[in-house]
Amino acid sequence: MRSQMLAARAAALFASDLPSGSRPDATSVENAIAVSVRRSGGTRGCVAALAAAYGDYPETAVVRMRWARSVIQSVYEPTPASMPVPTPALALAA
């Protein structure tokens, strides 16, 4: 489920107006995704725009999708430093 959400966000970012190669902050990414989804009529519309771009301009679509996935991963995927550290089980005293 998580990978589907990341893929949908990447497709929406791909279909957004943010320029490829930019390093937007999390708020800008979320706003761009929301606008893109509304403008495209949902995530399916974003995926359709993605598919059309690959059909019409595959050489630039690849670069833009790599950028979109990179941005989505940096914003939405946890880094090892931000993941909670499991606490060891306490030994029961006899």
PDB file of N, CA and C in Angstrom:
ATOM      1  N   MET A   1       0.821  -1.189   0.000  1.00  0.00           N
ATOM      2  CA  MET A   1       0.000   0.000   0.000  1.00  0.00           C
ATOM      3  C   MET A   1       0.866   1.252   0.000  1.00  0.00           C
ATOM      4  N   ARG A   2       1.921   1.249   0.797  1.00  0.00           N
ATOM      5  CA  ARG A   2       2.788   2.421   0.883  1.00  0.00           C
ATOM      6  C   ARG A   2       3.440   2.717  -0.463  1.00  0.00           C
ATOM      7  N   SER A   3       3.871   1.682  -1.185  1.00  0.00           N
ATOM      8  CA  SER A   3       4.521   1.915  -2.475  1.00  0.00           C
ATOM      9  C   SER A   3       3.530   2.472  -3.493  1.00  0.00           C
ATOM     10  N   GLN A   4       2.259   2.079  -3.396  1.00  0.00           N
ATOM     11  CA  GLN A   4       1.244   2.629  -4.292  1.00  0.00           C
ATOM     12  C   GLN A   4       1.026   4.106  -4.019  1.00  0.00           C
ATOM     13  N   MET A   5       1.052   4.491  -2.756  1.00  0.00           N
ATOM     14  CA  MET A   5       0.887   5.889  -2.390  1.00  0.00           C
ATOM     15  C   MET A   5       2.081   6.711  -2.882  1.00  0.00           C
ATOM     16  N   LEU A   6       3.277   6.170  -2.733  1.00  0.00           N
ATOM     17  CA  LEU A   6       4.461   6.869  -3.222  1.00  0.00           C
ATOM     18  C   LEU A   6       4.419   7.008  -4.748  1.00  0.00           C
ATOM     19  N   ALA A   7       3.967   5.961  -5.439  1.00  0.00           N
ATOM     20  CA  ALA A   7       3.862   6.014  -6.901  1.00  0.00           C
ATOM     21  C   ALA A   7       2.829   7.046  -7.344  1.00  0.00           C
ATOM     22  N   ALA A   8       1.698   7.112  -6.642  1.00  0.00           N
ATOM     23  CA  ALA A   8       0.666   8.097  -6.973  1.00  0.00           C
ATOM     24  C   ALA A   8       1.174   9.508  -6.737  1.00  0.00           C
ATOM     25  N   ARG A   9       1.888   9.713  -5.649  1.00  0.00           N
ATOM     26  CA  ARG A   9       2.460  11.035  -5.378  1.00  0.00           C
ATOM     27  C   ARG A   9       3.486  11.413  -6.428  1.00  0.00           C
ATOM     28  N   ALA A  10       4.312  10.458  -6.840  1.00  0.00           N
ATOM     29  CA  ALA A  10       5.318  10.737  -7.871  1.00  0.00           C
ATOM     30  C   ALA A  10       4.651  11.096  -9.196  1.00  0.00           C
ATOM     31  N   ALA A  11       3.587  10.394  -9.549  1.00  0.00           N
ATOM     32  CA  ALA A  11       2.863  10.709 -10.783  1.00  0.00           C
ATOM     33  C   ALA A  11       2.251  12.104 -10.713  1.00  0.00           C
ATOM     34  N   ALA A  12       1.694  12.453  -9.555  1.00  0.00           N
ATOM     35  CA  ALA A  12       1.111  13.781  -9.384  1.00  0.00           C
ATOM     36  C   ALA A  12       2.181  14.858  -9.439  1.00  0.00           C
ATOM     37  N   LEU A  13       3.327  14.603  -8.839  1.00  0.00           N
ATOM     38  CA  LEU A  13       4.421  15.573  -8.903  1.00  0.00           C
ATOM     39  C   LEU A  13       4.936  15.694 -10.327  1.00  0.00           C
ATOM     40  N   PHE A  14       5.013  14.565 -11.031  1.00  0.00           N
ATOM     41  CA  PHE A  14       5.410  14.571 -12.436  1.00  0.00           C
ATOM     42  C   PHE A  14       4.491  15.487 -13.243  1.00  0.00           C
ATOM     43  N   ALA A  15       3.198  15.406 -12.982  1.00  0.00           N
ATOM     44  CA  ALA A  15       2.202  16.188 -13.729  1.00  0.00           C
ATOM     45  C   ALA A  15       2.081  17.624 -13.235  1.00  0.00           C
ATOM     46  N   SER A  16       2.821  17.983 -12.204  1.00  0.00           N
ATOM     47  CA  SER A  16       2.725  19.324 -11.620  1.00  0.00           C
ATOM     48  C   SER A  16       3.519  20.338 -12.448  1.00  0.00           C
ATOM     49  N   ASP A  17       3.422  21.592 -12.011  1.00  0.00           N
ATOM     50  CA  ASP A  17       4.140  22.678 -12.674  1.00  0.00           C
ATOM     51  C   ASP A  17       5.522  22.941 -12.083  1.00  0.00           C
ATOM     52  N   LEU A  18       5.913  22.189 -11.059  1.00  0.00           N
ATOM     53  CA  LEU A  18       7.245  22.405 -10.481  1.00  0.00           C
ATOM     54  C   LEU A  18       8.304  22.028 -11.517  1.00  0.00           C
ATOM     55  N   PRO A  19       9.358  22.825 -11.607  1.00  0.00           N
ATOM     56  CA  PRO A  19      10.393  22.518 -12.602  1.00  0.00           C
ATOM     57  C   PRO A  19      11.255  21.322 -12.193  1.00  0.00           C
ATOM     58  N   SER A  20      11.573  20.487 -13.158  1.00  0.00           N
ATOM     59  CA  SER A  20      12.477  19.361 -12.908  1.00  0.00           C
ATOM     60  C   SER A  20      13.816  19.898 -12.442  1.00  0.00           C
ATOM     61  N   GLY A  21      14.420  19.177 -11.550  1.00  0.00           N
ATOM     62  CA  GLY A  21      15.722  19.580 -11.052  1.00  0.00           C
ATOM     63  C   GLY A  21      15.642  20.470  -9.833  1.00  0.00           C
ATOM     64  N   SER A  22      14.464  20.997  -9.531  1.00  0.00           N
ATOM     65  CA  SER A  22      14.333  21.840  -8.341  1.00  0.00           C
ATOM     66  C   SER A  22      14.320  20.957  -7.103  1.00  0.00           C
ATOM     67  N   ARG A  23      14.595  21.547  -5.985  1.00  0.00           N
ATOM     68  CA  ARG A  23      14.572  20.843  -4.705  1.00  0.00           C
ATOM     69  C   ARG A  23      13.561  21.535  -3.794  1.00  0.00           C
ATOM     70  N   PRO A  24      12.281  21.301  -4.059  1.00  0.00           N
ATOM     71  CA  PRO A  24      11.248  21.980  -3.270  1.00  0.00           C
ATOM     72  C   PRO A  24      11.166  21.417  -1.852  1.00  0.00           C
ATOM     73  N   ASP A  25      10.694  22.259  -0.940  1.00  0.00           N
ATOM     74  CA  ASP A  25      10.491  21.789   0.422  1.00  0.00           C
ATOM     75  C   ASP A  25       9.200  20.970   0.492  1.00  0.00           C
ATOM     76  N   ALA A  26       8.957  20.351   1.636  1.00  0.00           N
ATOM     77  CA  ALA A  26       7.811  19.449   1.789  1.00  0.00           C
ATOM     78  C   ALA A  26       6.489  20.167   1.551  1.00  0.00           C
ATOM     79  N   THR A  27       6.375  21.387   2.013  1.00  0.00           N
ATOM     80  CA  THR A  27       5.130  22.140   1.825  1.00  0.00           C
ATOM     81  C   THR A  27       4.877  22.405   0.350  1.00  0.00           C
ATOM     82  N   SER A  28       5.908  22.781  -0.388  1.00  0.00           N
ATOM     83  CA  SER A  28       5.766  23.023  -1.829  1.00  0.00           C
ATOM     84  C   SER A  28       5.381  21.750  -2.567  1.00  0.00           C
ATOM     85  N   VAL A  29       5.959  20.633  -2.162  1.00  0.00           N
ATOM     86  CA  VAL A  29       5.641  19.348  -2.784  1.00  0.00           C
ATOM     87  C   VAL A  29       4.181  18.985  -2.529  1.00  0.00           C
ATOM     88  N   GLU A  30       3.743  19.112  -1.300  1.00  0.00           N
ATOM     89  CA  GLU A  30       2.354  18.787  -0.967  1.00  0.00           C
ATOM     90  C   GLU A  30       1.377  19.687  -1.714  1.00  0.00           C
ATOM     91  N   ASN A  31       1.691  20.979  -1.796  1.00  0.00           N
ATOM     92  CA  ASN A  31       0.826  21.900  -2.539  1.00  0.00           C
ATOM     93  C   ASN A  31       0.794  21.568  -4.023  1.00  0.00           C
ATOM     94  N   ALA A  32       1.948  21.266  -4.599  1.00  0.00           N
ATOM     95  CA  ALA A  32       2.016  20.929  -6.026  1.00  0.00           C
ATOM     96  C   ALA A  32       1.234  19.653  -6.321  1.00  0.00           C
ATOM     97  N   ILE A  33       1.324  18.674  -5.439  1.00  0.00           N
ATOM     98  CA  ILE A  33       0.585  17.424  -5.618  1.00  0.00           C
ATOM     99  C   ILE A  33      -0.915  17.696  -5.552  1.00  0.00           C
ATOM    100  N   ALA A  34      -1.341  18.473  -4.568  1.00  0.00           N
ATOM    101  CA  ALA A  34      -2.775  18.770  -4.413  1.00  0.00           C
ATOM    102  C   ALA A  34      -3.327  19.494  -5.636  1.00  0.00           C
ATOM    103  N   VAL A  35      -2.597  20.475  -6.127  1.00  0.00           N
ATOM    104  CA  VAL A  35      -3.043  21.222  -7.310  1.00  0.00           C
ATOM    105  C   VAL A  35      -3.085  20.313  -8.530  1.00  0.00           C
ATOM    106  N   SER A  36      -2.061  19.493  -8.689  1.00  0.00           N
ATOM    107  CA  SER A  36      -1.985  18.584  -9.828  1.00  0.00           C
ATOM    108  C   SER A  36      -3.132  17.580  -9.825  1.00  0.00           C
ATOM    109  N   VAL A  37      -3.445  17.026  -8.657  1.00  0.00           N
ATOM    110  CA  VAL A  37      -4.534  16.045  -8.547  1.00  0.00           C
ATOM    111  C   VAL A  37      -5.871  16.712  -8.864  1.00  0.00           C
ATOM    112  N   ARG A  38      -6.094  17.908  -8.318  1.00  0.00           N
ATOM    113  CA  ARG A  38      -7.355  18.619  -8.604  1.00  0.00           C
ATOM    114  C   ARG A  38      -7.473  18.960 -10.086  1.00  0.00           C
ATOM    115  N   ARG A  39      -6.409  19.474 -10.662  1.00  0.00           N
ATOM    116  CA  ARG A  39      -6.421  19.889 -12.066  1.00  0.00           C
ATOM    117  C   ARG A  39      -6.595  18.698 -13.003  1.00  0.00           C
ATOM    118  N   SER A  40      -6.058  17.549 -12.634  1.00  0.00           N
ATOM    119  CA  SER A  40      -6.110  16.365 -13.492  1.00  0.00           C
ATOM    120  C   SER A  40      -7.344  15.511 -13.252  1.00  0.00           C
ATOM    121  N   GLY A  41      -8.159  15.878 -12.289  1.00  0.00           N
ATOM    122  CA  GLY A  41      -9.358  15.095 -11.998  1.00  0.00           C
ATOM    123  C   GLY A  41      -9.078  13.846 -11.194  1.00  0.00           C
ATOM    124  N   GLY A  42      -8.025  13.852 -10.421  1.00  0.00           N
ATOM    125  CA  GLY A  42      -7.677  12.709  -9.584  1.00  0.00           C
ATOM    126  C   GLY A  42      -6.330  12.121  -9.964  1.00  0.00           C
ATOM    127  N   THR A  43      -5.923  11.105  -9.207  1.00  0.00           N
ATOM    128  CA  THR A  43      -4.618  10.501  -9.459  1.00  0.00           C
ATOM    129  C   THR A  43      -4.572   9.769 -10.799  1.00  0.00           C
ATOM    130  N   ARG A  44      -5.721   9.250 -11.240  1.00  0.00           N
ATOM    131  CA  ARG A  44      -5.743   8.580 -12.553  1.00  0.00           C
ATOM    132  C   ARG A  44      -5.424   9.563 -13.675  1.00  0.00           C
ATOM    133  N   GLY A  45      -5.877  10.786 -13.532  1.00  0.00           N
ATOM    134  CA  GLY A  45      -5.557  11.814 -14.517  1.00  0.00           C
ATOM    135  C   GLY A  45      -4.076  12.140 -14.522  1.00  0.00           C
ATOM    136  N   CYS A  46      -3.458  12.114 -13.341  1.00  0.00           N
ATOM    137  CA  CYS A  46      -2.017  12.350 -13.251  1.00  0.00           C
ATOM    138  C   CYS A  46      -1.249  11.223 -13.936  1.00  0.00           C
ATOM    139  N   VAL A  47      -1.702   9.997 -13.717  1.00  0.00           N
ATOM    140  CA  VAL A  47      -1.060   8.842 -14.357  1.00  0.00           C
ATOM    141  C   VAL A  47      -1.250   8.905 -15.873  1.00  0.00           C
ATOM    142  N   ALA A  48      -2.410   9.371 -16.324  1.00  0.00           N
ATOM    143  CA  ALA A  48      -2.647   9.522 -17.763  1.00  0.00           C
ATOM    144  C   ALA A  48      -1.699  10.561 -18.355  1.00  0.00           C
ATOM    145  N   ALA A  49      -1.477  11.656 -17.636  1.00  0.00           N
ATOM    146  CA  ALA A  49      -0.531  12.679 -18.105  1.00  0.00           C
ATOM    147  C   ALA A  49       0.880  12.119 -18.164  1.00  0.00           C
ATOM    148  N   LEU A  50       1.221  11.307 -17.185  1.00  0.00           N
ATOM    149  CA  LEU A  50       2.522  10.643 -17.160  1.00  0.00           C
ATOM    150  C   LEU A  50       2.680   9.732 -18.376  1.00  0.00           C
ATOM    151  N   ALA A  51       1.673   8.920 -18.649  1.00  0.00           N
ATOM    152  CA  ALA A  51       1.726   8.004 -19.795  1.00  0.00           C
ATOM    153  C   ALA A  51       1.810   8.769 -21.109  1.00  0.00           C
ATOM    154  N   ALA A  52       1.061   9.849 -21.219  1.00  0.00           N
ATOM    155  CA  ALA A  52       1.102  10.649 -22.445  1.00  0.00           C
ATOM    156  C   ALA A  52       2.488  11.253 -22.657  1.00  0.00           C
ATOM    157  N   ALA A  53       3.102  11.711 -21.575  1.00  0.00           N
ATOM    158  CA  ALA A  53       4.440  12.285 -21.684  1.00  0.00           C
ATOM    159  C   ALA A  53       5.453  11.235 -22.136  1.00  0.00           C
ATOM    160  N   TYR A  54       5.332  10.012 -21.605  1.00  0.00           N
ATOM    161  CA  TYR A  54       6.238   8.943 -22.035  1.00  0.00           C
ATOM    162  C   TYR A  54       6.016   8.597 -23.502  1.00  0.00           C
ATOM    163  N   GLY A  55       4.782   8.692 -23.966  1.00  0.00           N
ATOM    164  CA  GLY A  55       4.504   8.411 -25.372  1.00  0.00           C
ATOM    165  C   GLY A  55       4.994   9.505 -26.298  1.00  0.00           C
ATOM    166  N   ASP A  56       4.843  10.767 -25.867  1.00  0.00           N
ATOM    167  CA  ASP A  56       5.210  11.898 -26.716  1.00  0.00           C
ATOM    168  C   ASP A  56       6.674  12.308 -26.595  1.00  0.00           C
ATOM    169  N   TYR A  57       7.202  12.294 -25.375  1.00  0.00           N
ATOM    170  CA  TYR A  57       8.570  12.774 -25.124  1.00  0.00           C
ATOM    171  C   TYR A  57       9.300  11.836 -24.160  1.00  0.00           C
ATOM    172  N   PRO A  58       9.559  10.612 -24.576  1.00  0.00           N
ATOM    173  CA  PRO A  58      10.140   9.641 -23.635  1.00  0.00           C
ATOM    174  C   PRO A  58      11.491  10.064 -23.068  1.00  0.00           C
ATOM    175  N   GLU A  59      12.294  10.759 -23.851  1.00  0.00           N
ATOM    176  CA  GLU A  59      13.633  11.135 -23.376  1.00  0.00           C
ATOM    177  C   GLU A  59      13.569  12.153 -22.236  1.00  0.00           C
ATOM    178  N   THR A  60      12.590  13.040 -22.252  1.00  0.00           N
ATOM    179  CA  THR A  60      12.470  14.001 -21.153  1.00  0.00           C
ATOM    180  C   THR A  60      11.599  13.455 -20.020  1.00  0.00           C
ATOM    181  N   ALA A  61      10.685  12.562 -20.343  1.00  0.00           N
ATOM    182  CA  ALA A  61       9.823  11.989 -19.310  1.00  0.00           C
ATOM    183  C   ALA A  61      10.629  11.159 -18.322  1.00  0.00           C
ATOM    184  N   VAL A  62      11.619  10.453 -18.807  1.00  0.00           N
ATOM    185  CA  VAL A  62      12.461   9.633 -17.932  1.00  0.00           C
ATOM    186  C   VAL A  62      13.167  10.516 -16.907  1.00  0.00           C
ATOM    187  N   VAL A  63      13.733  11.602 -17.370  1.00  0.00           N
ATOM    188  CA  VAL A  63      14.453  12.514 -16.482  1.00  0.00           C
ATOM    189  C   VAL A  63      13.499  13.121 -15.456  1.00  0.00           C
ATOM    190  N   ARG A  64      12.313  13.540 -15.909  1.00  0.00           N
ATOM    191  CA  ARG A  64      11.351  14.156 -14.992  1.00  0.00           C
ATOM    192  C   ARG A  64      10.842  13.146 -13.956  1.00  0.00           C
ATOM    193  N   MET A  65      10.612  11.901 -14.369  1.00  0.00           N
ATOM    194  CA  MET A  65      10.126  10.904 -13.415  1.00  0.00           C
ATOM    195  C   MET A  65      11.201  10.553 -12.402  1.00  0.00           C
ATOM    196  N   ARG A  66      12.446  10.489 -12.812  1.00  0.00           N
ATOM    197  CA  ARG A  66      13.533  10.240 -11.856  1.00  0.00           C
ATOM    198  C   ARG A  66      13.574  11.361 -10.818  1.00  0.00           C
ATOM    199  N   TRP A  67      13.423  12.597 -11.295  1.00  0.00           N
ATOM    200  CA  TRP A  67      13.398  13.736 -10.383  1.00  0.00           C
ATOM    201  C   TRP A  67      12.213  13.620  -9.427  1.00  0.00           C
ATOM    202  N   ALA A  68      11.025  13.337  -9.971  1.00  0.00           N
ATOM    203  CA  ALA A  68       9.812  13.249  -9.142  1.00  0.00           C
ATOM    204  C   ALA A  68       9.957  12.165  -8.081  1.00  0.00           C
ATOM    205  N   ARG A  69      10.437  11.003  -8.467  1.00  0.00           N
ATOM    206  CA  ARG A  69      10.614   9.912  -7.494  1.00  0.00           C
ATOM    207  C   ARG A  69      11.634  10.282  -6.429  1.00  0.00           C
ATOM    208  N   SER A  70      12.700  10.949  -6.830  1.00  0.00           N
ATOM    209  CA  SER A  70      13.718  11.377  -5.876  1.00  0.00           C
ATOM    210  C   SER A  70      13.149  12.364  -4.860  1.00  0.00           C
ATOM    211  N   VAL A  71      12.369  13.319  -5.337  1.00  0.00           N
ATOM    212  CA  VAL A  71      11.765  14.301  -4.437  1.00  0.00           C
ATOM    213  C   VAL A  71      10.771  13.616  -3.500  1.00  0.00           C
ATOM    214  N   ILE A  72       9.941  12.747  -4.033  1.00  0.00           N
ATOM    215  CA  ILE A  72       8.950  12.049  -3.209  1.00  0.00           C
ATOM    216  C   ILE A  72       9.647  11.201  -2.149  1.00  0.00           C
ATOM    217  N   GLN A  73      10.691  10.510  -2.519  1.00  0.00           N
ATOM    218  CA  GLN A  73      11.415   9.690  -1.543  1.00  0.00           C
ATOM    219  C   GLN A  73      12.028  10.557  -0.455  1.00  0.00           C
ATOM    220  N   SER A  74      12.569  11.708  -0.820  1.00  0.00           N
ATOM    221  CA  SER A  74      13.189  12.566   0.188  1.00  0.00           C
ATOM    222  C   SER A  74      12.162  13.172   1.136  1.00  0.00           C
ATOM    223  N   VAL A  75      10.940  13.388   0.649  1.00  0.00           N
ATOM    224  CA  VAL A  75       9.909  14.006   1.488  1.00  0.00           C
ATOM    225  C   VAL A  75       9.126  12.974   2.298  1.00  0.00           C
ATOM    226  N   TYR A  76       8.794  11.836   1.701  1.00  0.00           N
ATOM    227  CA  TYR A  76       7.852  10.906   2.325  1.00  0.00           C
ATOM    228  C   TYR A  76       8.439   9.619   2.884  1.00  0.00           C
ATOM    229  N   GLU A  77       9.622   9.226   2.474  1.00  0.00           N
ATOM    230  CA  GLU A  77      10.181   7.992   3.010  1.00  0.00           C
ATOM    231  C   GLU A  77      11.051   8.300   4.210  1.00  0.00           C
ATOM    232  N   PRO A  78      10.880   7.541   5.280  1.00  0.00           N
ATOM    233  CA  PRO A  78      11.669   7.799   6.479  1.00  0.00           C
ATOM    234  C   PRO A  78      13.139   7.460   6.264  1.00  0.00           C
ATOM    235  N   THR A  79      13.988   8.232   6.865  1.00  0.00           N
ATOM    236  CA  THR A  79      15.420   7.949   6.824  1.00  0.00           C
ATOM    237  C   THR A  79      15.766   7.140   8.066  1.00  0.00           C
ATOM    238  N   PRO A  80      16.866   6.403   8.047  1.00  0.00           N
ATOM    239  CA  PRO A  80      17.227   5.610   9.232  1.00  0.00           C
ATOM    240  C   PRO A  80      17.321   6.464  10.498  1.00  0.00           C
ATOM    241  N   ALA A  81      17.765   7.710  10.379  1.00  0.00           N
ATOM    242  CA  ALA A  81      17.904   8.564  11.556  1.00  0.00           C
ATOM    243  C   ALA A  81      16.545   8.955  12.129  1.00  0.00           C
ATOM    244  N   SER A  82      15.495   8.999  11.291  1.00  0.00           N
ATOM    245  CA  SER A  82      14.190   9.423  11.782  1.00  0.00           C
ATOM    246  C   SER A  82      13.304   8.256  12.207  1.00  0.00           C
ATOM    247  N   MET A  83      13.767   7.041  11.981  1.00  0.00           N
ATOM    248  CA  MET A  83      12.972   5.872  12.357  1.00  0.00           C
ATOM    249  C   MET A  83      13.137   5.612  13.848  1.00  0.00           C
ATOM    250  N   PRO A  84      12.056   5.222  14.523  1.00  0.00           N
ATOM    251  CA  PRO A  84      12.166   4.947  15.959  1.00  0.00           C
ATOM    252  C   PRO A  84      13.055   3.743  16.232  1.00  0.00           C
ATOM    253  N   VAL A  85      13.786   3.836  17.298  1.00  0.00           N
ATOM    254  CA  VAL A  85      14.672   2.744  17.689  1.00  0.00           C
ATOM    255  C   VAL A  85      13.898   1.836  18.634  1.00  0.00           C
ATOM    256  N   PRO A  86      13.838   0.549  18.321  1.00  0.00           N
ATOM    257  CA  PRO A  86      13.105  -0.362  19.217  1.00  0.00           C
ATOM    258  C   PRO A  86      13.793  -0.448  20.562  1.00  0.00           C
ATOM    259  N   THR A  87      13.001  -0.486  21.595  1.00  0.00           N
ATOM    260  CA  THR A  87      13.578  -0.611  22.938  1.00  0.00           C
ATOM    261  C   THR A  87      13.697  -2.085  23.297  1.00  0.00           C
ATOM    262  N   PRO A  88      14.776  -2.457  23.928  1.00  0.00           N
ATOM    263  CA  PRO A  88      14.936  -3.865  24.276  1.00  0.00           C
ATOM    264  C   PRO A  88      13.909  -4.275  25.335  1.00  0.00           C
ATOM    265  N   ALA A  89      13.506  -5.510  25.241  1.00  0.00           N
ATOM    266  CA  ALA A  89      12.548  -6.031  26.218  1.00  0.00           C
ATOM    267  C   ALA A  89      13.187  -6.074  27.584  1.00  0.00           C
ATOM    268  N   LEU A  90      12.431  -5.667  28.569  1.00  0.00           N
ATOM    269  CA  LEU A  90      12.963  -5.695  29.933  1.00  0.00           C
ATOM    270  C   LEU A  90      12.932  -7.119  30.476  1.00  0.00           C
ATOM    271  N   ALA A  91      13.994  -7.501  31.091  1.00  0.00           N
ATOM    272  CA  ALA A  91      14.063  -8.838  31.701  1.00  0.00           C
ATOM    273  C   ALA A  91      13.241  -8.837  32.976  1.00  0.00           C
ATOM    274  N   LEU A  92      12.473  -9.860  33.152  1.00  0.00           N
ATOM    275  CA  LEU A  92      11.680  -9.981  34.372  1.00  0.00           C
ATOM    276  C   LEU A  92      12.568 -10.470  35.499  1.00  0.00           C
ATOM    277  N   ALA A  93      12.440  -9.794  36.624  1.00  0.00           N
ATOM    278  CA  ALA A  93      13.217 -10.207  37.812  1.00  0.00           C
ATOM    279  C   ALA A  93      12.540 -11.418  38.455  1.00  0.00           C
ATOM    280  N   ALA A  94      13.339 -12.381  38.841  1.00  0.00           N
ATOM    281  CA  ALA A  94      12.788 -13.591  39.455  1.00  0.00           C
ATOM    282  C   ALA A  94      12.611 -13.445  40.920  1.00  0.00           C
TER     283      ALA A  94
END
